[in-house]
Full PDB file with SEQRES, HELIX, SHEET, SSBOND, CRYST1, ORIGX, SCALE, CONECT and MASTER records, all heavy atoms in Angstrom:
SEQRES   1 A   40  PHE ASP ARG TYR SER VAL LEU LEU ILE GLY GLU ILE CYS          
SEQRES   2 A   40  GLN ARG PHE ILE GLU THR GLY MET GLU VAL THR PRO GLN          
SEQRES   3 A   40  MET LYS GLU TRP LEU ARG ASN ALA VAL ASP VAL VAL LEU          
SEQRES   4 A   40  VAL                                                          
HELIX    1 AA1 ARG A    3  GLU A   18  1                                  16    
HELIX    2 AA2 PRO A   25  LEU A   39  1                                  15    
CRYST1    1.000    1.000    1.000  90.00  90.00  90.00 P 1           1          
ORIGX1      1.000000  0.000000  0.000000        0.00000                         
ORIGX2      0.000000  1.000000  0.000000        0.00000                         
ORIGX3      0.000000  0.000000  1.000000        0.00000                         
SCALE1      1.000000  0.000000  0.000000        0.00000                         
SCALE2      0.000000  1.000000  0.000000        0.00000                         
SCALE3      0.000000  0.000000  1.000000        0.00000                         
ATOM      1  N   PHE A   1    -155.177 -77.532  87.471  1.00  0.00           N  
ATOM      2  CA  PHE A   1    -154.983 -76.451  86.511  1.00  0.00           C  
ATOM      3  C   PHE A   1    -156.332 -75.952  86.009  1.00  0.00           C  
ATOM      4  O   PHE A   1    -156.974 -76.659  85.301  1.00  0.00           O  
ATOM      5  CB  PHE A   1    -154.107 -76.958  85.343  1.00  0.00           C  
ATOM      6  CG  PHE A   1    -152.735 -77.300  85.741  1.00  0.00           C  
ATOM      7  CD1 PHE A   1    -152.421 -78.585  86.186  1.00  0.00           C  
ATOM      8  CD2 PHE A   1    -151.719 -76.392  85.688  1.00  0.00           C  
ATOM      9  CE1 PHE A   1    -151.151 -78.944  86.537  1.00  0.00           C  
ATOM     10  CE2 PHE A   1    -150.370 -76.741  86.059  1.00  0.00           C  
ATOM     11  CZ  PHE A   1    -150.085 -78.049  86.515  1.00  0.00           C  
ATOM     12  N   ASP A   2    -156.702 -74.750  86.447  1.00  0.00           N  
ATOM     13  CA  ASP A   2    -158.021 -74.226  86.006  1.00  0.00           C  
ATOM     14  C   ASP A   2    -157.864 -72.841  85.471  1.00  0.00           C  
ATOM     15  O   ASP A   2    -156.837 -72.476  84.942  1.00  0.00           O  
ATOM     16  CB  ASP A   2    -158.982 -74.311  87.253  1.00  0.00           C  
ATOM     17  CG  ASP A   2    -158.442 -73.624  88.449  1.00  0.00           C  
ATOM     18  OD1 ASP A   2    -157.489 -72.810  88.342  1.00  0.00           O  
ATOM     19  OD2 ASP A   2    -158.936 -73.897  89.582  1.00  0.00           O  
ATOM     20  N   ARG A   3    -158.956 -72.076  85.522  1.00  0.00           N  
ATOM     21  CA  ARG A   3    -158.959 -70.716  84.997  1.00  0.00           C  
ATOM     22  C   ARG A   3    -157.728 -69.909  85.420  1.00  0.00           C  
ATOM     23  O   ARG A   3    -157.065 -69.260  84.653  1.00  0.00           O  
ATOM     24  CB  ARG A   3    -160.258 -70.033  85.410  1.00  0.00           C  
ATOM     25  CG  ARG A   3    -160.195 -68.510  85.474  1.00  0.00           C  
ATOM     26  CD  ARG A   3    -161.487 -68.027  86.068  1.00  0.00           C  
ATOM     27  NE  ARG A   3    -161.436 -66.608  86.452  1.00  0.00           N  
ATOM     28  CZ  ARG A   3    -161.067 -66.180  87.725  1.00  0.00           C  
ATOM     29  NH1 ARG A   3    -160.690 -67.080  88.620  1.00  0.00           N  
ATOM     30  NH2 ARG A   3    -161.024 -64.909  87.986  1.00  0.00           N  
ATOM     31  N   TYR A   4    -157.436 -70.057  86.760  1.00  0.00           N  
ATOM     32  CA  TYR A   4    -156.345 -69.241  87.290  1.00  0.00           C  
ATOM     33  C   TYR A   4    -155.003 -69.627  86.767  1.00  0.00           C  
ATOM     34  O   TYR A   4    -154.066 -68.825  86.671  1.00  0.00           O  
ATOM     35  CB  TYR A   4    -156.344 -69.243  88.828  1.00  0.00           C  
ATOM     36  CG  TYR A   4    -156.364 -67.864  89.389  1.00  0.00           C  
ATOM     37  CD1 TYR A   4    -157.456 -67.400  90.101  1.00  0.00           C  
ATOM     38  CD2 TYR A   4    -155.337 -66.957  89.155  1.00  0.00           C  
ATOM     39  CE1 TYR A   4    -157.487 -66.109  90.586  1.00  0.00           C  
ATOM     40  CE2 TYR A   4    -155.369 -65.677  89.653  1.00  0.00           C  
ATOM     41  CZ  TYR A   4    -156.447 -65.233  90.366  1.00  0.00           C  
ATOM     42  OH  TYR A   4    -156.513 -63.958  90.817  1.00  0.00           O  
ATOM     43  N   SER A   5    -154.794 -70.892  86.363  1.00  0.00           N  
ATOM     44  CA  SER A   5    -153.567 -71.319  85.828  1.00  0.00           C  
ATOM     45  C   SER A   5    -153.202 -70.621  84.532  1.00  0.00           C  
ATOM     46  O   SER A   5    -152.064 -70.432  84.196  1.00  0.00           O  
ATOM     47  CB  SER A   5    -153.659 -72.874  85.588  1.00  0.00           C  
ATOM     48  OG  SER A   5    -153.965 -73.551  86.738  1.00  0.00           O  
ATOM     49  N   VAL A   6    -154.219 -70.205  83.773  1.00  0.00           N  
ATOM     50  CA  VAL A   6    -154.047 -69.488  82.545  1.00  0.00           C  
ATOM     51  C   VAL A   6    -154.003 -67.980  82.798  1.00  0.00           C  
ATOM     52  O   VAL A   6    -153.212 -67.244  82.243  1.00  0.00           O  
ATOM     53  CB  VAL A   6    -155.189 -69.809  81.499  1.00  0.00           C  
ATOM     54  CG1 VAL A   6    -155.038 -69.065  80.255  1.00  0.00           C  
ATOM     55  CG2 VAL A   6    -155.179 -71.314  81.263  1.00  0.00           C  
ATOM     56  N   LEU A   7    -154.835 -67.518  83.730  1.00  0.00           N  
ATOM     57  CA  LEU A   7    -154.988 -66.102  84.026  1.00  0.00           C  
ATOM     58  C   LEU A   7    -153.804 -65.508  84.749  1.00  0.00           C  
ATOM     59  O   LEU A   7    -153.412 -64.357  84.566  1.00  0.00           O  
ATOM     60  CB  LEU A   7    -156.263 -65.863  84.797  1.00  0.00           C  
ATOM     61  CG  LEU A   7    -156.512 -64.498  85.463  1.00  0.00           C  
ATOM     62  CD1 LEU A   7    -156.518 -63.413  84.392  1.00  0.00           C  
ATOM     63  CD2 LEU A   7    -157.785 -64.484  86.291  1.00  0.00           C  
ATOM     64  N   LEU A   8    -153.163 -66.306  85.637  1.00  0.00           N  
ATOM     65  CA  LEU A   8    -152.216 -65.739  86.635  1.00  0.00           C  
ATOM     66  C   LEU A   8    -151.118 -64.931  85.933  1.00  0.00           C  
ATOM     67  O   LEU A   8    -150.765 -63.845  86.389  1.00  0.00           O  
ATOM     68  CB  LEU A   8    -151.690 -66.856  87.471  1.00  0.00           C  
ATOM     69  CG  LEU A   8    -150.700 -66.374  88.603  1.00  0.00           C  
ATOM     70  CD1 LEU A   8    -151.377 -65.363  89.517  1.00  0.00           C  
ATOM     71  CD2 LEU A   8    -150.203 -67.542  89.387  1.00  0.00           C  
ATOM     72  N   ILE A   9    -150.527 -65.464  84.849  1.00  0.00           N  
ATOM     73  CA  ILE A   9    -149.437 -64.759  84.233  1.00  0.00           C  
ATOM     74  C   ILE A   9    -149.939 -63.437  83.638  1.00  0.00           C  
ATOM     75  O   ILE A   9    -149.198 -62.437  83.605  1.00  0.00           O  
ATOM     76  CB  ILE A   9    -148.706 -65.601  83.173  1.00  0.00           C  
ATOM     77  CG1 ILE A   9    -147.422 -64.899  82.691  1.00  0.00           C  
ATOM     78  CG2 ILE A   9    -149.638 -65.972  82.041  1.00  0.00           C  
ATOM     79  CD1 ILE A   9    -146.432 -64.581  83.760  1.00  0.00           C  
ATOM     80  N   GLY A  10    -151.185 -63.397  83.181  1.00  0.00           N  
ATOM     81  CA  GLY A  10    -151.738 -62.168  82.705  1.00  0.00           C  
ATOM     82  C   GLY A  10    -151.871 -61.139  83.837  1.00  0.00           C  
ATOM     83  O   GLY A  10    -151.575 -59.933  83.646  1.00  0.00           O  
ATOM     84  N   GLU A  11    -152.301 -61.590  84.981  1.00  0.00           N  
ATOM     85  CA  GLU A  11    -152.373 -60.726  86.134  1.00  0.00           C  
ATOM     86  C   GLU A  11    -150.985 -60.198  86.518  1.00  0.00           C  
ATOM     87  O   GLU A  11    -150.809 -58.975  86.825  1.00  0.00           O  
ATOM     88  CB  GLU A  11    -152.992 -61.427  87.344  1.00  0.00           C  
ATOM     89  CG  GLU A  11    -154.469 -61.588  87.275  1.00  0.00           C  
ATOM     90  CD  GLU A  11    -155.063 -62.118  88.618  1.00  0.00           C  
ATOM     91  OE1 GLU A  11    -154.263 -62.579  89.451  1.00  0.00           O  
ATOM     92  OE2 GLU A  11    -156.269 -62.064  88.748  1.00  0.00           O  
ATOM     93  N   ILE A  12    -150.033 -61.055  86.583  1.00  0.00           N  
ATOM     94  CA  ILE A  12    -148.645 -60.633  86.949  1.00  0.00           C  
ATOM     95  C   ILE A  12    -148.146 -59.619  85.951  1.00  0.00           C  
ATOM     96  O   ILE A  12    -147.584 -58.589  86.355  1.00  0.00           O  
ATOM     97  CB  ILE A  12    -147.737 -61.855  87.013  1.00  0.00           C  
ATOM     98  CG1 ILE A  12    -148.157 -62.822  88.162  1.00  0.00           C  
ATOM     99  CG2 ILE A  12    -146.294 -61.423  87.218  1.00  0.00           C  
ATOM    100  CD1 ILE A  12    -147.404 -64.102  88.221  1.00  0.00           C  
ATOM    101  N   CYS A  13    -148.296 -59.855  84.691  1.00  0.00           N  
ATOM    102  CA  CYS A  13    -147.835 -58.897  83.685  1.00  0.00           C  
ATOM    103  C   CYS A  13    -148.554 -57.564  83.832  1.00  0.00           C  
ATOM    104  O   CYS A  13    -147.908 -56.480  83.717  1.00  0.00           O  
ATOM    105  CB  CYS A  13    -148.013 -59.441  82.288  1.00  0.00           C  
ATOM    106  SG  CYS A  13    -146.926 -60.782  81.854  1.00  0.00           S  
ATOM    107  N   GLN A  14    -149.807 -57.615  84.165  1.00  0.00           N  
ATOM    108  CA  GLN A  14    -150.564 -56.366  84.357  1.00  0.00           C  
ATOM    109  C   GLN A  14    -150.030 -55.569  85.539  1.00  0.00           C  
ATOM    110  O   GLN A  14    -149.918 -54.344  85.532  1.00  0.00           O  
ATOM    111  CB  GLN A  14    -152.073 -56.643  84.546  1.00  0.00           C  
ATOM    112  CG  GLN A  14    -152.952 -55.416  84.607  1.00  0.00           C  
ATOM    113  CD  GLN A  14    -153.070 -54.769  86.018  1.00  0.00           C  
ATOM    114  OE1 GLN A  14    -152.984 -55.497  86.980  1.00  0.00           O  
ATOM    115  NE2 GLN A  14    -153.213 -53.480  86.071  1.00  0.00           N  
ATOM    116  N   ARG A  15    -149.631 -56.275  86.610  1.00  0.00           N  
ATOM    117  CA  ARG A  15    -149.091 -55.624  87.793  1.00  0.00           C  
ATOM    118  C   ARG A  15    -147.746 -54.950  87.431  1.00  0.00           C  
ATOM    119  O   ARG A  15    -147.470 -53.819  87.912  1.00  0.00           O  
ATOM    120  CB  ARG A  15    -148.822 -56.577  88.926  1.00  0.00           C  
ATOM    121  CG  ARG A  15    -150.048 -57.399  89.345  1.00  0.00           C  
ATOM    122  CD  ARG A  15    -151.191 -56.566  89.936  1.00  0.00           C  
ATOM    123  NE  ARG A  15    -152.227 -57.441  90.446  1.00  0.00           N  
ATOM    124  CZ  ARG A  15    -153.302 -57.820  89.757  1.00  0.00           C  
ATOM    125  NH1 ARG A  15    -153.519 -57.371  88.584  1.00  0.00           N  
ATOM    126  NH2 ARG A  15    -154.189 -58.620  90.302  1.00  0.00           N  
ATOM    127  N   PHE A  16    -146.958 -55.591  86.570  1.00  0.00           N  
ATOM    128  CA  PHE A  16    -145.742 -54.936  86.113  1.00  0.00           C  
ATOM    129  C   PHE A  16    -146.064 -53.718  85.287  1.00  0.00           C  
ATOM    130  O   PHE A  16    -145.370 -52.649  85.462  1.00  0.00           O  
ATOM    131  CB  PHE A  16    -144.904 -55.950  85.275  1.00  0.00           C  
ATOM    132  CG  PHE A  16    -144.027 -56.868  86.069  1.00  0.00           C  
ATOM    133  CD1 PHE A  16    -144.505 -57.627  87.119  1.00  0.00           C  
ATOM    134  CD2 PHE A  16    -142.682 -56.976  85.746  1.00  0.00           C  
ATOM    135  CE1 PHE A  16    -143.666 -58.436  87.858  1.00  0.00           C  
ATOM    136  CE2 PHE A  16    -141.840 -57.802  86.519  1.00  0.00           C  
ATOM    137  CZ  PHE A  16    -142.318 -58.534  87.539  1.00  0.00           C  
ATOM    138  N   ILE A  17    -147.014 -53.806  84.437  1.00  0.00           N  
ATOM    139  CA  ILE A  17    -147.372 -52.640  83.600  1.00  0.00           C  
ATOM    140  C   ILE A  17    -147.887 -51.513  84.525  1.00  0.00           C  
ATOM    141  O   ILE A  17    -147.494 -50.373  84.373  1.00  0.00           O  
ATOM    142  CB  ILE A  17    -148.507 -53.018  82.630  1.00  0.00           C  
ATOM    143  CG1 ILE A  17    -147.960 -54.064  81.596  1.00  0.00           C  
ATOM    144  CG2 ILE A  17    -149.052 -51.782  81.927  1.00  0.00           C  
ATOM    145  CD1 ILE A  17    -149.044 -54.697  80.730  1.00  0.00           C  
ATOM    146  N   GLU A  18    -148.717 -51.865  85.481  1.00  0.00           N  
ATOM    147  CA  GLU A  18    -149.327 -50.911  86.397  1.00  0.00           C  
ATOM    148  C   GLU A  18    -148.276 -50.110  87.184  1.00  0.00           C  
ATOM    149  O   GLU A  18    -148.429 -48.958  87.469  1.00  0.00           O  
ATOM    150  CB  GLU A  18    -150.295 -51.599  87.353  1.00  0.00           C  
ATOM    151  CG  GLU A  18    -150.959 -50.701  88.356  1.00  0.00           C  
ATOM    152  CD  GLU A  18    -151.821 -51.522  89.374  1.00  0.00           C  
ATOM    153  OE1 GLU A  18    -151.651 -52.717  89.446  1.00  0.00           O  
ATOM    154  OE2 GLU A  18    -152.580 -50.862  90.008  1.00  0.00           O  
ATOM    155  N   THR A  19    -147.211 -50.831  87.562  1.00  0.00           N  
ATOM    156  CA  THR A  19    -146.220 -50.221  88.470  1.00  0.00           C  
ATOM    157  C   THR A  19    -144.944 -49.868  87.801  1.00  0.00           C  
ATOM    158  O   THR A  19    -143.923 -49.599  88.422  1.00  0.00           O  
ATOM    159  CB  THR A  19    -145.955 -51.171  89.664  1.00  0.00           C  
ATOM    160  OG1 THR A  19    -145.408 -52.425  89.179  1.00  0.00           O  
ATOM    161  CG2 THR A  19    -147.212 -51.436  90.418  1.00  0.00           C  
ATOM    162  N   GLY A  20    -144.944 -49.870  86.426  1.00  0.00           N  
ATOM    163  CA  GLY A  20    -143.762 -49.359  85.714  1.00  0.00           C  
ATOM    164  C   GLY A  20    -142.571 -50.264  85.684  1.00  0.00           C  
ATOM    165  O   GLY A  20    -141.396 -49.794  85.570  1.00  0.00           O  
ATOM    166  N   MET A  21    -142.759 -51.613  85.809  1.00  0.00           N  
ATOM    167  CA  MET A  21    -141.642 -52.539  85.785  1.00  0.00           C  
ATOM    168  C   MET A  21    -141.552 -53.182  84.421  1.00  0.00           C  
ATOM    169  O   MET A  21    -142.539 -53.319  83.670  1.00  0.00           O  
ATOM    170  CB  MET A  21    -141.845 -53.608  86.845  1.00  0.00           C  
ATOM    171  CG  MET A  21    -141.832 -53.083  88.279  1.00  0.00           C  
ATOM    172  SD  MET A  21    -142.035 -54.408  89.475  1.00  0.00           S  
ATOM    173  CE  MET A  21    -140.478 -55.336  89.303  1.00  0.00           C  
ATOM    174  N   GLU A  22    -140.367 -53.608  84.030  1.00  0.00           N  
ATOM    175  CA  GLU A  22    -140.154 -54.239  82.706  1.00  0.00           C  
ATOM    176  C   GLU A  22    -140.497 -55.704  82.786  1.00  0.00           C  
ATOM    177  O   GLU A  22    -139.957 -56.387  83.620  1.00  0.00           O  
ATOM    178  CB  GLU A  22    -138.722 -54.024  82.278  1.00  0.00           C  
ATOM    179  CG  GLU A  22    -138.454 -54.578  80.893  1.00  0.00           C  
ATOM    180  CD  GLU A  22    -137.040 -54.298  80.423  1.00  0.00           C  
ATOM    181  OE1 GLU A  22    -136.303 -53.540  81.087  1.00  0.00           O  
ATOM    182  OE2 GLU A  22    -136.669 -54.850  79.332  1.00  0.00           O  
ATOM    183  N   VAL A  23    -141.377 -56.129  81.879  1.00  0.00           N  
ATOM    184  CA  VAL A  23    -141.732 -57.533  81.823  1.00  0.00           C  
ATOM    185  C   VAL A  23    -140.587 -58.299  81.106  1.00  0.00           C  
ATOM    186  O   VAL A  23    -140.162 -57.899  80.092  1.00  0.00           O  
ATOM    187  CB  VAL A  23    -143.064 -57.689  81.058  1.00  0.00           C  
ATOM    188  CG1 VAL A  23    -143.420 -59.166  80.806  1.00  0.00           C  
ATOM    189  CG2 VAL A  23    -144.206 -56.982  81.755  1.00  0.00           C  
ATOM    190  N   THR A  24    -140.216 -59.386  81.784  1.00  0.00           N  
ATOM    191  CA  THR A  24    -139.026 -60.128  81.272  1.00  0.00           C  
ATOM    192  C   THR A  24    -139.386 -61.002  80.082  1.00  0.00           C  
ATOM    193  O   THR A  24    -140.561 -61.342  79.870  1.00  0.00           O  
ATOM    194  CB  THR A  24    -138.467 -61.079  82.354  1.00  0.00           C  
ATOM    195  OG1 THR A  24    -139.429 -62.092  82.639  1.00  0.00           O  
ATOM    196  CG2 THR A  24    -138.193 -60.221  83.654  1.00  0.00           C  
ATOM    197  N   PRO A  25    -138.409 -61.418  79.277  1.00  0.00           N  
ATOM    198  CA  PRO A  25    -138.683 -62.371  78.201  1.00  0.00           C  
ATOM    199  C   PRO A  25    -139.325 -63.660  78.651  1.00  0.00           C  
ATOM    200  O   PRO A  25    -140.198 -64.213  77.944  1.00  0.00           O  
ATOM    201  CB  PRO A  25    -137.304 -62.558  77.596  1.00  0.00           C  
ATOM    202  CG  PRO A  25    -136.535 -61.376  77.887  1.00  0.00           C  
ATOM    203  CD  PRO A  25    -137.007 -60.900  79.244  1.00  0.00           C  
ATOM    204  N   GLN A  26    -138.916 -64.166  79.838  1.00  0.00           N  
ATOM    205  CA  GLN A  26    -139.525 -65.406  80.316  1.00  0.00           C  
ATOM    206  C   GLN A  26    -141.027 -65.176  80.643  1.00  0.00           C  
ATOM    207  O   GLN A  26    -141.829 -66.045  80.314  1.00  0.00           O  
ATOM    208  CB  GLN A  26    -138.831 -65.825  81.611  1.00  0.00           C  
ATOM    209  CG  GLN A  26    -139.426 -67.038  82.347  1.00  0.00           C  
ATOM    210  CD  GLN A  26    -139.276 -68.293  81.600  1.00  0.00           C  
ATOM    211  OE1 GLN A  26    -138.275 -68.988  81.691  1.00  0.00           O  
ATOM    212  NE2 GLN A  26    -140.299 -68.726  80.813  1.00  0.00           N  
ATOM    213  N   MET A  27    -141.368 -64.051  81.196  1.00  0.00           N  
ATOM    214  CA  MET A  27    -142.754 -63.754  81.454  1.00  0.00           C  
ATOM    215  C   MET A  27    -143.555 -63.654  80.194  1.00  0.00           C  
ATOM    216  O   MET A  27    -144.673 -64.152  80.114  1.00  0.00           O  
ATOM    217  CB  MET A  27    -142.881 -62.491  82.317  1.00  0.00           C  
ATOM    218  CG  MET A  27    -142.359 -62.560  83.647  1.00  0.00           C  
ATOM    219  SD  MET A  27    -142.205 -60.997  84.516  1.00  0.00           S  
ATOM    220  CE  MET A  27    -143.944 -60.481  84.591  1.00  0.00           C  
ATOM    221  N   LYS A  28    -142.985 -63.063  79.199  1.00  0.00           N  
ATOM    222  CA  LYS A  28    -143.665 -62.948  77.905  1.00  0.00           C  
ATOM    223  C   LYS A  28    -143.872 -64.312  77.286  1.00  0.00           C  
ATOM    224  O   LYS A  28    -144.912 -64.576  76.631  1.00  0.00           O  
ATOM    225  CB  LYS A  28    -142.895 -62.054  76.964  1.00  0.00           C  
ATOM    226  CG  LYS A  28    -142.914 -60.570  77.340  1.00  0.00           C  
ATOM    227  CD  LYS A  28    -142.214 -59.711  76.268  1.00  0.00           C  
ATOM    228  CE  LYS A  28    -142.276 -58.238  76.669  1.00  0.00           C  
ATOM    229  NZ  LYS A  28    -141.603 -57.356  75.673  1.00  0.00           N  
ATOM    230  N   GLU A  29    -142.926 -65.201  77.470  1.00  0.00           N  
ATOM    231  CA  GLU A  29    -143.071 -66.549  76.956  1.00  0.00           C  
ATOM    232  C   GLU A  29    -144.239 -67.284  77.653  1.00  0.00           C  
ATOM    233  O   GLU A  29    -145.089 -67.942  77.028  1.00  0.00           O  
ATOM    234  CB  GLU A  29    -141.801 -67.362  77.182  1.00  0.00           C  
ATOM    235  CG  GLU A  29    -141.824 -68.761  76.636  1.00  0.00           C  
ATOM    236  CD  GLU A  29    -140.513 -69.485  76.829  1.00  0.00           C  
ATOM    237  OE1 GLU A  29    -139.447 -68.831  76.859  1.00  0.00           O  
ATOM    238  OE2 GLU A  29    -140.565 -70.753  77.036  1.00  0.00           O  
ATOM    239  N   TRP A  30    -144.306 -67.139  78.995  1.00  0.00           N  
ATOM    240  CA  TRP A  30    -145.445 -67.701  79.743  1.00  0.00           C  
ATOM    241  C   TRP A  30    -146.758 -67.106  79.342  1.00  0.00           C  
ATOM    242  O   TRP A  30    -147.794 -67.779  79.180  1.00  0.00           O  
ATOM    243  CB  TRP A  30    -145.219 -67.512  81.240  1.00  0.00           C  
ATOM    244  CG  TRP A  30    -144.103 -68.326  81.826  1.00  0.00           C  
ATOM    245  CD1 TRP A  30    -143.628 -69.521  81.392  1.00  0.00           C  
ATOM    246  CD2 TRP A  30    -143.407 -68.022  83.049  1.00  0.00           C  
ATOM    247  NE1 TRP A  30    -142.643 -69.974  82.213  1.00  0.00           N  
ATOM    248  CE2 TRP A  30    -142.476 -69.100  83.216  1.00  0.00           C  
ATOM    249  CE3 TRP A  30    -143.369 -66.954  83.933  1.00  0.00           C  
ATOM    250  CZ2 TRP A  30    -141.575 -69.126  84.280  1.00  0.00           C  
ATOM    251  CZ3 TRP A  30    -142.509 -66.989  84.978  1.00  0.00           C  
ATOM    252  CH2 TRP A  30    -141.624 -68.040  85.187  1.00  0.00           C  
ATOM    253  N   LEU A  31    -146.737 -65.776  79.069  1.00  0.00           N  
ATOM    254  CA  LEU A  31    -147.952 -65.071  78.651  1.00  0.00           C  
ATOM    255  C   LEU A  31    -148.366 -65.562  77.300  1.00  0.00           C  
ATOM    256  O   LEU A  31    -149.595 -65.747  77.030  1.00  0.00           O  
ATOM    257  CB  LEU A  31    -147.714 -63.573  78.623  1.00  0.00           C  
ATOM    258  CG  LEU A  31    -148.930 -62.725  78.285  1.00  0.00           C  
ATOM    259  CD1 LEU A  31    -150.107 -62.924  79.216  1.00  0.00           C  
ATOM    260  CD2 LEU A  31    -148.503 -61.225  78.206  1.00  0.00           C  
ATOM    261  N   ARG A  32    -147.432 -65.838  76.405  1.00  0.00           N  
ATOM    262  CA  ARG A  32    -147.810 -66.356  75.113  1.00  0.00           C  
ATOM    263  C   ARG A  32    -148.444 -67.724  75.236  1.00  0.00           C  
ATOM    264  O   ARG A  32    -149.395 -68.068  74.487  1.00  0.00           O  
ATOM    265  CB  ARG A  32    -146.588 -66.424  74.215  1.00  0.00           C  
ATOM    266  CG  ARG A  32    -146.900 -66.952  72.775  1.00  0.00           C  
ATOM    267  CD  ARG A  32    -147.777 -65.978  72.012  1.00  0.00           C  
ATOM    268  NE  ARG A  32    -148.734 -66.608  71.111  1.00  0.00           N  
ATOM    269  CZ  ARG A  32    -149.404 -66.050  70.190  1.00  0.00           C  
ATOM    270  NH1 ARG A  32    -149.243 -64.740  69.938  1.00  0.00           N  
ATOM    271  NH2 ARG A  32    -150.304 -66.696  69.435  1.00  0.00           N  
ATOM    272  N   ASN A  33    -147.968 -68.562  76.153  1.00  0.00           N  
ATOM    273  CA  ASN A  33    -148.609 -69.864  76.368  1.00  0.00           C  
ATOM    274  C   ASN A  33    -150.083 -69.673  76.767  1.00  0.00           C  
ATOM    275  O   ASN A  33    -150.951 -70.380  76.324  1.00  0.00           O  
ATOM    276  CB  ASN A  33    -147.921 -70.600  77.503  1.00  0.00           C  
ATOM    277  CG  ASN A  33    -146.511 -71.094  77.090  1.00  0.00           C  
ATOM    278  OD1 ASN A  33    -146.199 -71.128  75.892  1.00  0.00           O  
ATOM    279  ND2 ASN A  33    -145.680 -71.427  78.071  1.00  0.00           N  
ATOM    280  N   ALA A  34    -150.328 -68.659  77.663  1.00  0.00           N  
ATOM    281  CA  ALA A  34    -151.695 -68.427  78.078  1.00  0.00           C  
ATOM    282  C   ALA A  34    -152.532 -67.939  76.863  1.00  0.00           C  
ATOM    283  O   ALA A  34    -153.691 -68.295  76.708  1.00  0.00           O  
ATOM    284  CB  ALA A  34    -151.778 -67.404  79.173  1.00  0.00           C  
ATOM    285  N   VAL A  35    -151.931 -67.082  76.079  1.00  0.00           N  
ATOM    286  CA  VAL A  35    -152.600 -66.540  74.846  1.00  0.00           C  
ATOM    287  C   VAL A  35    -153.035 -67.692  73.969  1.00  0.00           C  
ATOM    288  O   VAL A  35    -154.125 -67.714  73.424  1.00  0.00           O  
ATOM    289  CB  VAL A  35    -151.654 -65.537  74.126  1.00  0.00           C  
ATOM    290  CG1 VAL A  35    -152.166 -65.354  72.675  1.00  0.00           C  
ATOM    291  CG2 VAL A  35    -151.626 -64.244  74.902  1.00  0.00           C  
ATOM    292  N   ASP A  36    -152.158 -68.686  73.817  1.00  0.00           N  
ATOM    293  CA  ASP A  36    -152.469 -69.804  72.890  1.00  0.00           C  
ATOM    294  C   ASP A  36    -153.668 -70.590  73.363  1.00  0.00           C  
ATOM    295  O   ASP A  36    -154.392 -71.167  72.545  1.00  0.00           O  
ATOM    296  CB  ASP A  36    -151.234 -70.709  72.748  1.00  0.00           C  
ATOM    297  CG  ASP A  36    -150.127 -70.062  71.937  1.00  0.00           C  
ATOM    298  OD1 ASP A  36    -150.407 -69.043  71.251  1.00  0.00           O  
ATOM    299  OD2 ASP A  36    -148.952 -70.511  72.037  1.00  0.00           O  
ATOM    300  N   VAL A  37    -153.864 -70.660  74.709  1.00  0.00           N  
ATOM    301  CA  VAL A  37    -155.056 -71.315  75.239  1.00  0.00           C  
ATOM    302  C   VAL A  37    -156.315 -70.474  74.912  1.00  0.00           C  
ATOM    303  O   VAL A  37    -157.336 -71.018  74.511  1.00  0.00           O  
ATOM    304  CB  VAL A  37    -154.930 -71.561  76.759  1.00  0.00           C  
ATOM    305  CG1 VAL A  37    -156.247 -72.074  77.309  1.00  0.00           C  
ATOM    306  CG2 VAL A  37    -153.809 -72.458  77.100  1.00  0.00           C  
ATOM    307  N   VAL A  38    -156.191 -69.149  75.114  1.00  0.00           N  
ATOM    308  CA  VAL A  38    -157.353 -68.300  74.954  1.00  0.00           C  
ATOM    309  C   VAL A  38    -157.751 -68.129  73.485  1.00  0.00           C  
ATOM    310  O   VAL A  38    -158.921 -68.184  73.186  1.00  0.00           O  
ATOM    311  CB  VAL A  38    -157.045 -66.916  75.626  1.00  0.00           C  
ATOM    312  CG1 VAL A  38    -158.140 -65.915  75.274  1.00  0.00           C  
ATOM    313  CG2 VAL A  38    -156.892 -67.072  77.134  1.00  0.00           C  
ATOM    314  N   LEU A  39    -156.812 -67.917  72.612  1.00  0.00           N  
ATOM    315  CA  LEU A  39    -157.117 -67.592  71.224  1.00  0.00           C  
ATOM    316  C   LEU A  39    -157.987 -68.701  70.567  1.00  0.00           C  
ATOM    317  O   LEU A  39    -158.924 -68.388  69.874  1.00  0.00           O  
ATOM    318  CB  LEU A  39    -155.849 -67.394  70.357  1.00  0.00           C  
ATOM    319  CG  LEU A  39    -155.138 -66.092  70.573  1.00  0.00           C  
ATOM    320  CD1 LEU A  39    -153.876 -66.002  69.667  1.00  0.00           C  
ATOM    321  CD2 LEU A  39    -156.037 -64.897  70.331  1.00  0.00           C  
ATOM    322  N   VAL A  40    -157.642 -69.985  70.816  1.00  0.00           N  
ATOM    323  CA  VAL A  40    -158.392 -71.032  70.190  1.00  0.00           C  
ATOM    324  C   VAL A  40    -159.787 -71.233  70.790  1.00  0.00           C  
ATOM    325  O   VAL A  40    -160.590 -72.007  70.256  1.00  0.00           O  
ATOM    326  CB  VAL A  40    -157.671 -72.396  70.220  1.00  0.00           C  
ATOM    327  CG1 VAL A  40    -156.338 -72.283  69.501  1.00  0.00           C  
ATOM    328  CG2 VAL A  40    -157.466 -72.878  71.658  1.00  0.00           C  
TER     329      VAL A  40                                                      
MASTER        0    0    0    2    0    0    0    6  328    1    0    4          
END                                                                             
């Protein structure tokens, strides 16, 4: 588990934003986990 383990969900969400897809609640939960690593 390295940089990409935290970054990947951010990349996936960005691809959804880029292509007009709706980000699911599960994806937002995973993204929040990544946020919690980054914020501290």
